Amino acid sequence: MPSVHFEFVSRPRLSGYLGWALLIIGILGVGFASIRWRELAQAREAVAWHLMSLPAPQAVAPPPPGTSPEAASLEGVRAHLDASWQPVFAALEAGGSKNVALLSVQVSGRSGRLDIHAQARHLADALAFAARLQRQPALKEVLMTEDKRSHDEGQPLDFHVRGRLNP
């Protein structure tokens, strides 16, 4: 029987130093990351303890009215919002006309001034509208301040009426 001869050939060895170096760098990186993670967790806990030890926030009192320009403007806005619009609507409804179209109505709550911008087909309708508003008890000092007539024959007359709210 013929004899069997095995020939073992050793595998060529790759650079072992490079592999060991990469393994050591990886282990050091994981260790550094875990240390940083632990430090950050401890810092978060310290901040949480510090925040819990702080006294509860107290309500800050608003500055007295009229101490700053911002406060003055806020007072004006509040007065405008607190103004009652019901007397204005009632006066406009009572003094209204089919021949007058209201374009804008502005009320200043602080001074109680009323500005109306409207259009009418004829000057007599605009004057009658202003006279009807003047007779309303909710309004005083009602005046027609401005009127503009276009040169075209079919264009309406723009006019402004100003007055004061009767307190």
N, C-alpha and C. Protein backbone atom coordinates (compact mmCIF):
# COMPACT_ATOMS: atom_id res chain seq x y z
N MET A 1 0.83 -1.13 0.00
CA MET A 1 0.00 0.00 0.00
C MET A 1 0.89 1.22 0.00
N PRO A 2 0.52 2.10 -0.87
CA PRO A 2 1.38 3.27 -0.95
C PRO A 2 1.17 4.16 0.27
N SER A 3 2.14 4.78 0.66
CA SER A 3 2.05 5.65 1.84
C SER A 3 1.56 7.04 1.41
N VAL A 4 0.81 7.61 2.30
CA VAL A 4 0.23 8.92 2.05
C VAL A 4 1.11 9.95 2.75
N HIS A 5 1.51 10.88 2.01
CA HIS A 5 2.35 11.95 2.58
C HIS A 5 1.57 13.26 2.55
N PHE A 6 1.41 13.82 3.71
CA PHE A 6 0.75 15.13 3.81
C PHE A 6 1.79 16.21 3.87
N GLU A 7 1.54 17.22 3.11
CA GLU A 7 2.47 18.34 3.10
C GLU A 7 1.73 19.56 3.65
N PHE A 8 2.09 19.99 4.84
CA PHE A 8 1.45 21.15 5.47
C PHE A 8 2.22 22.39 5.09
N VAL A 9 1.49 23.31 4.50
CA VAL A 9 2.11 24.56 4.09
C VAL A 9 1.61 25.65 5.05
N SER A 10 2.50 26.35 5.61
CA SER A 10 2.09 27.41 6.54
C SER A 10 1.55 28.60 5.77
N ARG A 11 0.54 29.17 6.35
CA ARG A 11 -0.09 30.32 5.74
C ARG A 11 0.81 31.53 5.87
N PRO A 12 0.82 32.38 4.84
CA PRO A 12 1.66 33.57 5.00
C PRO A 12 1.06 34.49 6.06
N ARG A 13 1.88 34.96 6.92
CA ARG A 13 1.44 35.77 8.04
C ARG A 13 1.33 37.23 7.62
N LEU A 14 0.15 37.79 7.92
CA LEU A 14 -0.03 39.21 7.67
C LEU A 14 0.67 39.99 8.77
N SER A 15 0.73 41.25 8.58
CA SER A 15 1.43 42.11 9.52
C SER A 15 0.71 42.06 10.86
N GLY A 16 1.20 41.41 11.84
CA GLY A 16 0.59 41.25 13.15
C GLY A 16 0.65 42.52 13.98
N TYR A 17 1.66 43.31 13.75
CA TYR A 17 1.80 44.52 14.56
C TYR A 17 0.68 45.54 14.26
N LEU A 18 0.30 45.60 13.01
CA LEU A 18 -0.77 46.53 12.64
C LEU A 18 -2.10 46.11 13.28
N GLY A 19 -2.41 44.86 13.27
CA GLY A 19 -3.63 44.35 13.88
C GLY A 19 -3.68 44.63 15.37
N TRP A 20 -2.53 44.34 16.05
CA TRP A 20 -2.47 44.59 17.49
C TRP A 20 -2.61 46.09 17.79
N ALA A 21 -2.03 46.90 16.96
CA ALA A 21 -2.11 48.34 17.18
C ALA A 21 -3.55 48.83 17.02
N LEU A 22 -4.26 48.34 16.01
CA LEU A 22 -5.66 48.73 15.82
C LEU A 22 -6.54 48.24 16.97
N LEU A 23 -6.27 47.04 17.47
CA LEU A 23 -7.02 46.51 18.59
C LEU A 23 -6.80 47.37 19.84
N ILE A 24 -5.61 47.76 20.11
CA ILE A 24 -5.30 48.59 21.29
C ILE A 24 -5.94 49.98 21.15
N ILE A 25 -5.87 50.56 19.97
CA ILE A 25 -6.49 51.88 19.75
C ILE A 25 -8.00 51.79 19.95
N GLY A 26 -8.64 50.75 19.46
CA GLY A 26 -10.08 50.56 19.64
C GLY A 26 -10.47 50.42 21.10
N ILE A 27 -9.69 49.61 21.85
CA ILE A 27 -9.98 49.43 23.27
C ILE A 27 -9.81 50.75 24.02
N LEU A 28 -8.75 51.51 23.71
CA LEU A 28 -8.56 52.81 24.35
C LEU A 28 -9.68 53.78 24.01
N GLY A 29 -10.16 53.77 22.76
CA GLY A 29 -11.26 54.66 22.36
C GLY A 29 -12.55 54.33 23.10
N VAL A 30 -12.87 53.05 23.22
CA VAL A 30 -14.08 52.65 23.95
C VAL A 30 -13.95 53.04 25.42
N GLY A 31 -12.78 52.86 26.01
CA GLY A 31 -12.56 53.24 27.41
C GLY A 31 -12.70 54.75 27.60
N PHE A 32 -12.13 55.53 26.70
CA PHE A 32 -12.24 56.99 26.79
C PHE A 32 -13.69 57.44 26.65
N ALA A 33 -14.42 56.84 25.71
CA ALA A 33 -15.83 57.22 25.52
C ALA A 33 -16.66 56.87 26.75
N SER A 34 -16.41 55.72 27.37
CA SER A 34 -17.18 55.36 28.56
C SER A 34 -16.85 56.29 29.74
N ILE A 35 -15.61 56.71 29.85
CA ILE A 35 -15.23 57.65 30.92
C ILE A 35 -15.94 58.99 30.70
N ARG A 36 -15.94 59.48 29.47
CA ARG A 36 -16.63 60.76 29.17
C ARG A 36 -18.13 60.63 29.43
N TRP A 37 -18.71 59.48 29.07
CA TRP A 37 -20.14 59.27 29.28
C TRP A 37 -20.46 59.33 30.78
N ARG A 38 -19.62 58.72 31.60
CA ARG A 38 -19.83 58.75 33.03
C ARG A 38 -19.68 60.17 33.59
N GLU A 39 -18.69 60.92 33.09
CA GLU A 39 -18.50 62.31 33.54
C GLU A 39 -19.71 63.18 33.18
N LEU A 40 -20.24 63.00 31.98
CA LEU A 40 -21.42 63.77 31.59
C LEU A 40 -22.64 63.42 32.44
N ALA A 41 -22.82 62.15 32.77
CA ALA A 41 -23.94 61.74 33.62
C ALA A 41 -23.80 62.36 35.00
N GLN A 42 -22.57 62.39 35.54
CA GLN A 42 -22.35 63.01 36.85
C GLN A 42 -22.60 64.52 36.79
N ALA A 43 -22.23 65.17 35.69
CA ALA A 43 -22.47 66.61 35.55
C ALA A 43 -23.97 66.89 35.46
N ARG A 44 -24.71 66.03 34.75
CA ARG A 44 -26.17 66.20 34.68
C ARG A 44 -26.80 66.06 36.06
N GLU A 45 -26.34 65.09 36.82
CA GLU A 45 -26.88 64.91 38.18
C GLU A 45 -26.54 66.12 39.06
N ALA A 46 -25.35 66.67 38.91
CA ALA A 46 -24.96 67.84 39.71
C ALA A 46 -25.82 69.05 39.36
N VAL A 47 -26.09 69.23 38.08
CA VAL A 47 -26.95 70.35 37.67
C VAL A 47 -28.37 70.15 38.20
N ALA A 48 -28.87 68.92 38.14
CA ALA A 48 -30.22 68.65 38.65
C ALA A 48 -30.29 68.94 40.15
N TRP A 49 -29.28 68.52 40.92
CA TRP A 49 -29.26 68.82 42.36
C TRP A 49 -29.17 70.31 42.61
N HIS A 50 -28.39 71.00 41.81
CA HIS A 50 -28.26 72.45 41.97
C HIS A 50 -29.58 73.15 41.68
N LEU A 51 -30.28 72.73 40.63
CA LEU A 51 -31.57 73.33 40.30
C LEU A 51 -32.61 73.05 41.37
N MET A 52 -32.56 71.87 41.97
CA MET A 52 -33.51 71.55 43.03
C MET A 52 -33.22 72.35 44.30
N SER A 53 -31.97 72.75 44.50
CA SER A 53 -31.63 73.51 45.71
C SER A 53 -31.94 74.99 45.57
N LEU A 54 -32.22 75.47 44.36
CA LEU A 54 -32.55 76.88 44.17
C LEU A 54 -33.92 77.19 44.76
N PRO A 55 -34.12 78.40 45.27
CA PRO A 55 -35.45 78.74 45.78
C PRO A 55 -36.44 78.88 44.64
N ALA A 56 -37.72 78.72 44.97
CA ALA A 56 -38.77 78.82 43.96
C ALA A 56 -38.83 80.26 43.44
N PRO A 57 -39.08 80.42 42.13
CA PRO A 57 -39.15 81.78 41.58
C PRO A 57 -40.35 82.52 42.15
N GLN A 58 -40.15 83.80 42.42
CA GLN A 58 -41.22 84.63 42.96
C GLN A 58 -41.78 85.49 41.84
N ALA A 59 -43.05 85.82 41.96
CA ALA A 59 -43.69 86.64 40.95
C ALA A 59 -43.08 88.04 40.97
N VAL A 60 -42.79 88.55 39.80
CA VAL A 60 -42.22 89.88 39.67
C VAL A 60 -43.36 90.88 39.55
N ALA A 61 -43.33 91.87 40.40
CA ALA A 61 -44.38 92.89 40.36
C ALA A 61 -44.19 93.75 39.12
N PRO A 62 -45.29 94.07 38.43
CA PRO A 62 -45.16 94.93 37.25
C PRO A 62 -44.73 96.33 37.67
N PRO A 63 -44.01 97.02 36.80
CA PRO A 63 -43.59 98.37 37.15
C PRO A 63 -44.80 99.29 37.26
N PRO A 64 -44.70 100.33 38.08
CA PRO A 64 -45.82 101.25 38.19
C PRO A 64 -46.13 101.87 36.84
N PRO A 65 -47.42 102.14 36.57
CA PRO A 65 -47.78 102.68 35.26
C PRO A 65 -47.13 104.03 35.01
N GLY A 66 -46.73 104.20 33.76
CA GLY A 66 -46.17 105.48 33.34
C GLY A 66 -44.68 105.63 33.62
N THR A 67 -43.98 104.53 33.97
CA THR A 67 -42.57 104.67 34.28
C THR A 67 -41.68 104.54 33.05
N SER A 68 -42.19 103.97 31.99
CA SER A 68 -41.36 103.81 30.80
C SER A 68 -42.23 104.03 29.56
N PRO A 69 -41.59 104.29 28.42
CA PRO A 69 -42.38 104.45 27.19
C PRO A 69 -43.15 103.18 26.81
N GLU A 70 -42.55 102.02 27.10
CA GLU A 70 -43.24 100.77 26.79
C GLU A 70 -44.50 100.64 27.62
N ALA A 71 -44.41 101.03 28.90
CA ALA A 71 -45.58 100.95 29.77
C ALA A 71 -46.67 101.92 29.28
N ALA A 72 -46.27 103.07 28.82
CA ALA A 72 -47.25 104.04 28.32
C ALA A 72 -47.95 103.50 27.07
N SER A 73 -47.20 102.87 26.19
CA SER A 73 -47.83 102.32 24.99
C SER A 73 -48.74 101.14 25.35
N LEU A 74 -48.34 100.34 26.35
CA LEU A 74 -49.21 99.25 26.79
C LEU A 74 -50.49 99.77 27.40
N GLU A 75 -50.41 100.86 28.14
CA GLU A 75 -51.61 101.47 28.71
C GLU A 75 -52.55 101.94 27.60
N GLY A 76 -51.98 102.51 26.53
CA GLY A 76 -52.80 102.95 25.41
C GLY A 76 -53.51 101.79 24.73
N VAL A 77 -52.81 100.68 24.56
CA VAL A 77 -53.41 99.50 23.94
C VAL A 77 -54.51 98.95 24.84
N ARG A 78 -54.23 98.90 26.15
CA ARG A 78 -55.24 98.38 27.07
C ARG A 78 -56.48 99.27 27.09
N ALA A 79 -56.28 100.58 27.07
CA ALA A 79 -57.42 101.49 27.05
C ALA A 79 -58.22 101.32 25.76
N HIS A 80 -57.51 101.10 24.65
CA HIS A 80 -58.20 100.88 23.37
C HIS A 80 -59.02 99.60 23.39
N LEU A 81 -58.47 98.56 23.99
CA LEU A 81 -59.19 97.28 24.03
C LEU A 81 -60.34 97.32 25.03
N ASP A 82 -60.19 98.11 26.09
CA ASP A 82 -61.24 98.19 27.10
C ASP A 82 -62.39 99.10 26.69
N ALA A 83 -62.20 99.88 25.63
CA ALA A 83 -63.25 100.81 25.21
C ALA A 83 -64.49 100.04 24.78
N SER A 84 -65.64 100.56 25.14
CA SER A 84 -66.89 99.91 24.77
C SER A 84 -67.28 100.34 23.36
N TRP A 85 -67.48 99.37 22.50
CA TRP A 85 -67.85 99.65 21.12
C TRP A 85 -69.37 99.71 20.95
N GLN A 86 -70.11 99.26 21.93
CA GLN A 86 -71.56 99.20 21.77
C GLN A 86 -72.18 100.58 21.53
N PRO A 87 -71.79 101.66 22.25
CA PRO A 87 -72.38 102.97 21.94
C PRO A 87 -72.05 103.44 20.52
N VAL A 88 -70.85 103.11 20.04
CA VAL A 88 -70.46 103.51 18.69
C VAL A 88 -71.33 102.80 17.67
N PHE A 89 -71.51 101.49 17.85
CA PHE A 89 -72.34 100.74 16.91
C PHE A 89 -73.79 101.22 16.93
N ALA A 90 -74.29 101.50 18.13
CA ALA A 90 -75.68 101.97 18.23
C ALA A 90 -75.83 103.33 17.54
N ALA A 91 -74.86 104.24 17.73
CA ALA A 91 -74.93 105.56 17.09
C ALA A 91 -74.81 105.45 15.58
N LEU A 92 -73.95 104.58 15.08
CA LEU A 92 -73.81 104.41 13.63
C LEU A 92 -75.06 103.78 13.03
N GLU A 93 -75.67 102.87 13.77
CA GLU A 93 -76.88 102.24 13.26
C GLU A 93 -78.04 103.24 13.22
N ALA A 94 -78.13 104.06 14.26
CA ALA A 94 -79.22 105.04 14.31
C ALA A 94 -78.99 106.17 13.29
N GLY A 95 -77.74 106.53 13.05
CA GLY A 95 -77.45 107.63 12.13
C GLY A 95 -77.18 107.18 10.72
N GLY A 96 -77.31 105.88 10.46
CA GLY A 96 -76.98 105.34 9.15
C GLY A 96 -77.97 105.73 8.07
N SER A 97 -77.56 105.53 6.84
CA SER A 97 -78.39 105.87 5.69
C SER A 97 -78.06 104.92 4.55
N LYS A 98 -79.02 104.72 3.66
CA LYS A 98 -78.77 103.89 2.49
C LYS A 98 -77.86 104.59 1.48
N ASN A 99 -77.75 105.90 1.58
CA ASN A 99 -76.97 106.68 0.62
C ASN A 99 -75.53 106.89 1.06
N VAL A 100 -75.13 106.36 2.22
CA VAL A 100 -73.78 106.53 2.75
C VAL A 100 -73.18 105.15 2.98
N ALA A 101 -71.96 104.95 2.48
CA ALA A 101 -71.23 103.70 2.68
C ALA A 101 -70.05 103.96 3.61
N LEU A 102 -69.99 103.23 4.75
CA LEU A 102 -68.87 103.38 5.67
C LEU A 102 -67.69 102.57 5.16
N LEU A 103 -66.53 103.22 5.06
CA LEU A 103 -65.32 102.53 4.62
C LEU A 103 -64.47 102.09 5.79
N SER A 104 -64.35 102.94 6.82
CA SER A 104 -63.60 102.56 8.01
C SER A 104 -64.11 103.34 9.20
N VAL A 105 -64.01 102.70 10.37
CA VAL A 105 -64.38 103.32 11.64
C VAL A 105 -63.24 103.03 12.60
N GLN A 106 -62.67 104.08 13.18
CA GLN A 106 -61.57 103.92 14.14
C GLN A 106 -61.94 104.64 15.42
N VAL A 107 -61.75 103.93 16.53
CA VAL A 107 -62.02 104.51 17.84
C VAL A 107 -60.74 104.48 18.64
N SER A 108 -60.36 105.60 19.22
CA SER A 108 -59.22 105.66 20.11
C SER A 108 -59.76 105.57 21.53
N GLY A 109 -59.46 104.47 22.22
CA GLY A 109 -59.99 104.24 23.56
C GLY A 109 -59.48 105.22 24.58
N ARG A 110 -58.23 105.64 24.45
CA ARG A 110 -57.64 106.53 25.43
C ARG A 110 -58.26 107.92 25.35
N SER A 111 -58.35 108.48 24.18
CA SER A 111 -58.88 109.84 24.03
C SER A 111 -60.37 109.85 23.72
N GLY A 112 -60.93 108.71 23.37
CA GLY A 112 -62.35 108.64 23.06
C GLY A 112 -62.70 109.27 21.72
N ARG A 113 -61.73 109.36 20.82
CA ARG A 113 -61.97 109.99 19.52
C ARG A 113 -62.48 108.96 18.52
N LEU A 114 -63.40 109.37 17.69
CA LEU A 114 -64.01 108.52 16.67
C LEU A 114 -63.70 109.12 15.30
N ASP A 115 -63.13 108.32 14.41
CA ASP A 115 -62.84 108.74 13.03
C ASP A 115 -63.59 107.82 12.08
N ILE A 116 -64.36 108.42 11.19
CA ILE A 116 -65.15 107.65 10.23
C ILE A 116 -64.76 108.11 8.82
N HIS A 117 -64.47 107.16 7.95
CA HIS A 117 -64.21 107.43 6.55
C HIS A 117 -65.37 106.80 5.78
N ALA A 118 -66.06 107.59 4.98
CA ALA A 118 -67.26 107.10 4.29
C ALA A 118 -67.34 107.68 2.89
N GLN A 119 -68.29 107.17 2.12
CA GLN A 119 -68.56 107.66 0.77
C GLN A 119 -70.06 107.91 0.63
N ALA A 120 -70.39 108.95 -0.12
CA ALA A 120 -71.78 109.27 -0.42
C ALA A 120 -71.87 109.71 -1.88
N ARG A 121 -73.05 109.62 -2.45
CA ARG A 121 -73.21 110.02 -3.85
C ARG A 121 -73.31 111.53 -3.99
N HIS A 122 -73.88 112.16 -2.97
CA HIS A 122 -74.08 113.62 -3.04
C HIS A 122 -73.58 114.24 -1.74
N LEU A 123 -73.21 115.50 -1.82
CA LEU A 123 -72.74 116.23 -0.64
C LEU A 123 -73.86 116.37 0.39
N ALA A 124 -75.09 116.52 -0.05
CA ALA A 124 -76.22 116.64 0.88
C ALA A 124 -76.37 115.38 1.73
N ASP A 125 -76.13 114.18 1.14
CA ASP A 125 -76.21 112.94 1.91
C ASP A 125 -75.12 112.88 2.98
N ALA A 126 -73.91 113.34 2.64
CA ALA A 126 -72.81 113.35 3.59
C ALA A 126 -73.10 114.31 4.74
N LEU A 127 -73.62 115.49 4.43
CA LEU A 127 -73.95 116.46 5.48
C LEU A 127 -75.09 115.95 6.37
N ALA A 128 -76.08 115.32 5.78
CA ALA A 128 -77.19 114.76 6.56
C ALA A 128 -76.69 113.65 7.48
N PHE A 129 -75.76 112.83 7.01
CA PHE A 129 -75.17 111.76 7.83
C PHE A 129 -74.46 112.37 9.03
N ALA A 130 -73.63 113.39 8.81
CA ALA A 130 -72.92 114.05 9.90
C ALA A 130 -73.90 114.68 10.88
N ALA A 131 -74.99 115.28 10.39
CA ALA A 131 -75.99 115.89 11.27
C ALA A 131 -76.71 114.83 12.10
N ARG A 132 -77.02 113.67 11.51
CA ARG A 132 -77.67 112.60 12.27
C ARG A 132 -76.75 112.06 13.36
N LEU A 133 -75.47 111.94 13.05
CA LEU A 133 -74.52 111.49 14.08
C LEU A 133 -74.40 112.51 15.20
N GLN A 134 -74.48 113.79 14.86
CA GLN A 134 -74.35 114.84 15.87
C GLN A 134 -75.52 114.80 16.85
N ARG A 135 -76.66 114.33 16.41
CA ARG A 135 -77.83 114.25 17.28
C ARG A 135 -77.82 113.02 18.18
N GLN A 136 -76.88 112.11 17.98
CA GLN A 136 -76.83 110.89 18.80
C GLN A 136 -76.27 111.22 20.18
N PRO A 137 -76.87 110.71 21.26
CA PRO A 137 -76.39 111.03 22.61
C PRO A 137 -75.04 110.39 22.93
N ALA A 138 -74.63 109.31 22.23
CA ALA A 138 -73.36 108.65 22.53
C ALA A 138 -72.17 109.41 21.95
N LEU A 139 -72.44 110.40 21.06
CA LEU A 139 -71.36 111.14 20.40
C LEU A 139 -71.50 112.62 20.67
N LYS A 140 -70.37 113.31 20.66
CA LYS A 140 -70.37 114.77 20.79
C LYS A 140 -69.28 115.33 19.89
N GLU A 141 -69.38 116.60 19.59
CA GLU A 141 -68.41 117.32 18.75
C GLU A 141 -68.21 116.62 17.39
N VAL A 142 -69.27 116.24 16.75
CA VAL A 142 -69.20 115.56 15.46
C VAL A 142 -69.05 116.61 14.36
N LEU A 143 -67.99 116.47 13.55
CA LEU A 143 -67.72 117.41 12.46
C LEU A 143 -67.28 116.65 11.23
N MET A 144 -67.70 117.17 10.07
CA MET A 144 -67.18 116.64 8.82
C MET A 144 -65.90 117.40 8.53
N THR A 145 -64.76 116.71 8.53
CA THR A 145 -63.47 117.39 8.43
C THR A 145 -62.93 117.48 7.02
N GLU A 146 -63.30 116.57 6.15
CA GLU A 146 -62.67 116.55 4.82
C GLU A 146 -63.62 115.89 3.83
N ASP A 147 -63.65 116.44 2.62
CA ASP A 147 -64.41 115.78 1.56
C ASP A 147 -63.64 115.92 0.26
N LYS A 148 -63.67 114.87 -0.55
CA LYS A 148 -62.96 114.86 -1.83
C LYS A 148 -63.93 114.39 -2.90
N ARG A 149 -64.08 115.22 -3.88
CA ARG A 149 -64.94 114.86 -5.00
C ARG A 149 -64.05 114.58 -6.21
N SER A 150 -64.33 113.49 -6.87
CA SER A 150 -63.61 113.15 -8.08
C SER A 150 -64.15 113.99 -9.24
N HIS A 151 -63.35 114.19 -10.26
CA HIS A 151 -63.77 114.97 -11.43
C HIS A 151 -64.72 114.18 -12.32
N ASP A 152 -64.74 112.86 -12.16
CA ASP A 152 -65.67 112.05 -12.94
C ASP A 152 -67.07 112.21 -12.38
N GLU A 153 -68.05 112.21 -13.26
CA GLU A 153 -69.44 112.47 -12.85
C GLU A 153 -70.02 111.34 -12.00
N GLY A 154 -69.68 110.07 -12.29
CA GLY A 154 -70.30 108.95 -11.59
C GLY A 154 -69.58 108.53 -10.32
N GLN A 155 -68.48 109.16 -9.97
CA GLN A 155 -67.70 108.75 -8.80
C GLN A 155 -68.30 109.31 -7.51
N PRO A 156 -68.25 108.53 -6.40
CA PRO A 156 -68.82 109.00 -5.14
C PRO A 156 -67.91 110.03 -4.46
N LEU A 157 -68.46 110.70 -3.47
CA LEU A 157 -67.76 111.70 -2.68
C LEU A 157 -67.16 111.01 -1.46
N ASP A 158 -65.84 111.12 -1.28
CA ASP A 158 -65.18 110.60 -0.07
C ASP A 158 -65.21 111.69 0.99
N PHE A 159 -65.55 111.31 2.23
CA PHE A 159 -65.53 112.30 3.30
C PHE A 159 -65.15 111.64 4.62
N HIS A 160 -64.66 112.48 5.54
CA HIS A 160 -64.25 112.04 6.87
C HIS A 160 -65.07 112.78 7.91
N VAL A 161 -65.51 112.06 8.92
CA VAL A 161 -66.26 112.62 10.04
C VAL A 161 -65.50 112.27 11.31
N ARG A 162 -65.31 113.28 12.16
CA ARG A 162 -64.65 113.05 13.44
C ARG A 162 -65.57 113.48 14.55
N GLY A 163 -65.42 112.79 15.67
CA GLY A 163 -66.21 113.13 16.83
C GLY A 163 -65.58 112.53 18.07
N ARG A 164 -66.25 112.76 19.21
CA ARG A 164 -65.79 112.21 20.48
C ARG A 164 -66.90 111.37 21.08
N LEU A 165 -66.47 110.32 21.78
CA LEU A 165 -67.44 109.50 22.49
C LEU A 165 -67.88 110.24 23.74
N ASN A 166 -69.17 110.21 24.02
CA ASN A 166 -69.72 110.86 25.19
C ASN A 166 -69.56 109.90 26.37
N PRO A 167 -68.84 110.26 27.42
CA PRO A 167 -68.61 109.30 28.51
C PRO A 167 -69.86 108.97 29.30
